[in-house]
Amino acid sequence: MTKLQVTTINDEPAIVLPPSVVERLGIKEGDEIHLEDGPNGLRLVHPNPVVEAQVRTMNEVMDRRRDVLKRLAE
């Protein structure tokens, strides 16, 4: 477990990530990271753009072909 300390930047609460966390997440300045709430608490995630695009495509196909997918599920 890594302890993070809350600080203030421009009158807003902020958390500075230690270099080891930045390296593990594979992030750089300007990247977007997500804070996910799961069964074991919160976690930081650096989304994979390829997987994100695949999920978007899958959702679009599912929306367009909902009736076909329902029939296949029977």
Protein backbone atom coordinates (compact mmCIF):
# COMPACT_ATOMS: atom_id res chain seq x y z
CA MET A 1 0.00 0.00 0.00
CA THR A 2 1.22 3.49 -0.86
CA LYS A 3 0.25 6.41 1.33
CA LEU A 4 -0.83 9.55 -0.49
CA GLN A 5 -1.02 12.97 1.12
CA VAL A 6 -3.68 15.52 0.29
CA THR A 7 -2.38 19.01 -0.42
CA THR A 8 -3.87 22.18 -1.91
CA ILE A 9 -3.18 23.52 -5.40
CA ASN A 10 -4.96 26.70 -6.50
CA ASP A 11 -7.31 26.47 -3.50
CA GLU A 12 -8.41 22.95 -4.54
CA PRO A 13 -7.61 19.69 -2.76
CA ALA A 14 -5.04 17.67 -4.71
CA ILE A 15 -3.08 14.45 -4.37
CA VAL A 16 0.47 14.26 -5.65
CA LEU A 17 1.41 10.80 -6.91
CA PRO A 18 4.86 9.50 -6.02
CA PRO A 19 7.12 8.65 -8.97
CA SER A 20 6.76 4.91 -8.28
CA VAL A 21 2.97 5.13 -8.74
CA VAL A 22 3.32 7.23 -11.88
CA GLU A 23 5.69 4.61 -13.29
CA ARG A 24 3.41 1.68 -12.38
CA LEU A 25 0.42 3.37 -14.02
CA GLY A 26 2.50 4.29 -17.06
CA ILE A 27 1.17 7.84 -17.05
CA LYS A 28 2.61 11.16 -18.10
CA GLU A 29 1.51 14.77 -17.82
CA GLY A 30 -1.75 15.33 -19.69
CA ASP A 31 -2.89 11.69 -19.51
CA GLU A 32 -6.35 10.89 -18.22
CA ILE A 33 -6.68 8.43 -15.36
CA HIS A 34 -9.86 7.05 -13.83
CA LEU A 35 -10.77 6.56 -10.20
CA GLU A 36 -12.93 3.44 -10.04
CA ASP A 37 -15.10 2.38 -7.13
CA GLY A 38 -15.05 -1.39 -6.75
CA PRO A 39 -15.84 -4.04 -4.16
CA ASN A 40 -12.42 -3.55 -2.53
CA GLY A 41 -12.55 0.26 -2.51
CA LEU A 42 -11.23 2.90 -4.86
CA ARG A 43 -8.47 2.32 -7.37
CA LEU A 44 -6.62 4.41 -9.95
CA VAL A 45 -6.73 3.08 -13.49
CA HIS A 46 -4.93 4.25 -16.63
CA PRO A 47 -7.36 3.21 -19.35
CA ASN A 48 -6.01 1.41 -22.40
CA PRO A 49 -7.17 3.41 -25.46
CA VAL A 50 -7.38 0.26 -27.61
CA VAL A 51 -9.65 -1.49 -25.12
CA GLU A 52 -11.73 1.69 -24.67
CA ALA A 53 -12.29 1.85 -28.45
CA GLN A 54 -13.25 -1.84 -28.56
CA VAL A 55 -15.78 -1.37 -25.76
CA ARG A 56 -17.31 1.65 -27.53
CA THR A 57 -17.62 -0.36 -30.75
CA MET A 58 -19.15 -3.31 -28.90
CA ASN A 59 -21.72 -1.05 -27.23
CA GLU A 60 -22.65 0.52 -30.59
CA VAL A 61 -23.14 -2.91 -32.18
CA MET A 62 -25.18 -4.10 -29.21
CA ASP A 63 -27.41 -1.03 -29.42
CA ARG A 64 -27.97 -1.47 -33.18
CA ARG A 65 -28.51 -5.24 -33.04
CA ARG A 66 -30.35 -5.59 -29.74
CA ASP A 67 -33.22 -7.57 -31.31
CA VAL A 68 -30.85 -10.05 -32.99
CA LEU A 69 -28.89 -10.54 -29.75
CA LYS A 70 -32.11 -11.22 -27.83
CA ARG A 71 -33.12 -13.88 -30.36
CA LEU A 72 -29.67 -15.49 -30.21
CA ALA A 73 -29.86 -15.61 -26.42
CA GLU A 74 -33.06 -17.72 -26.51
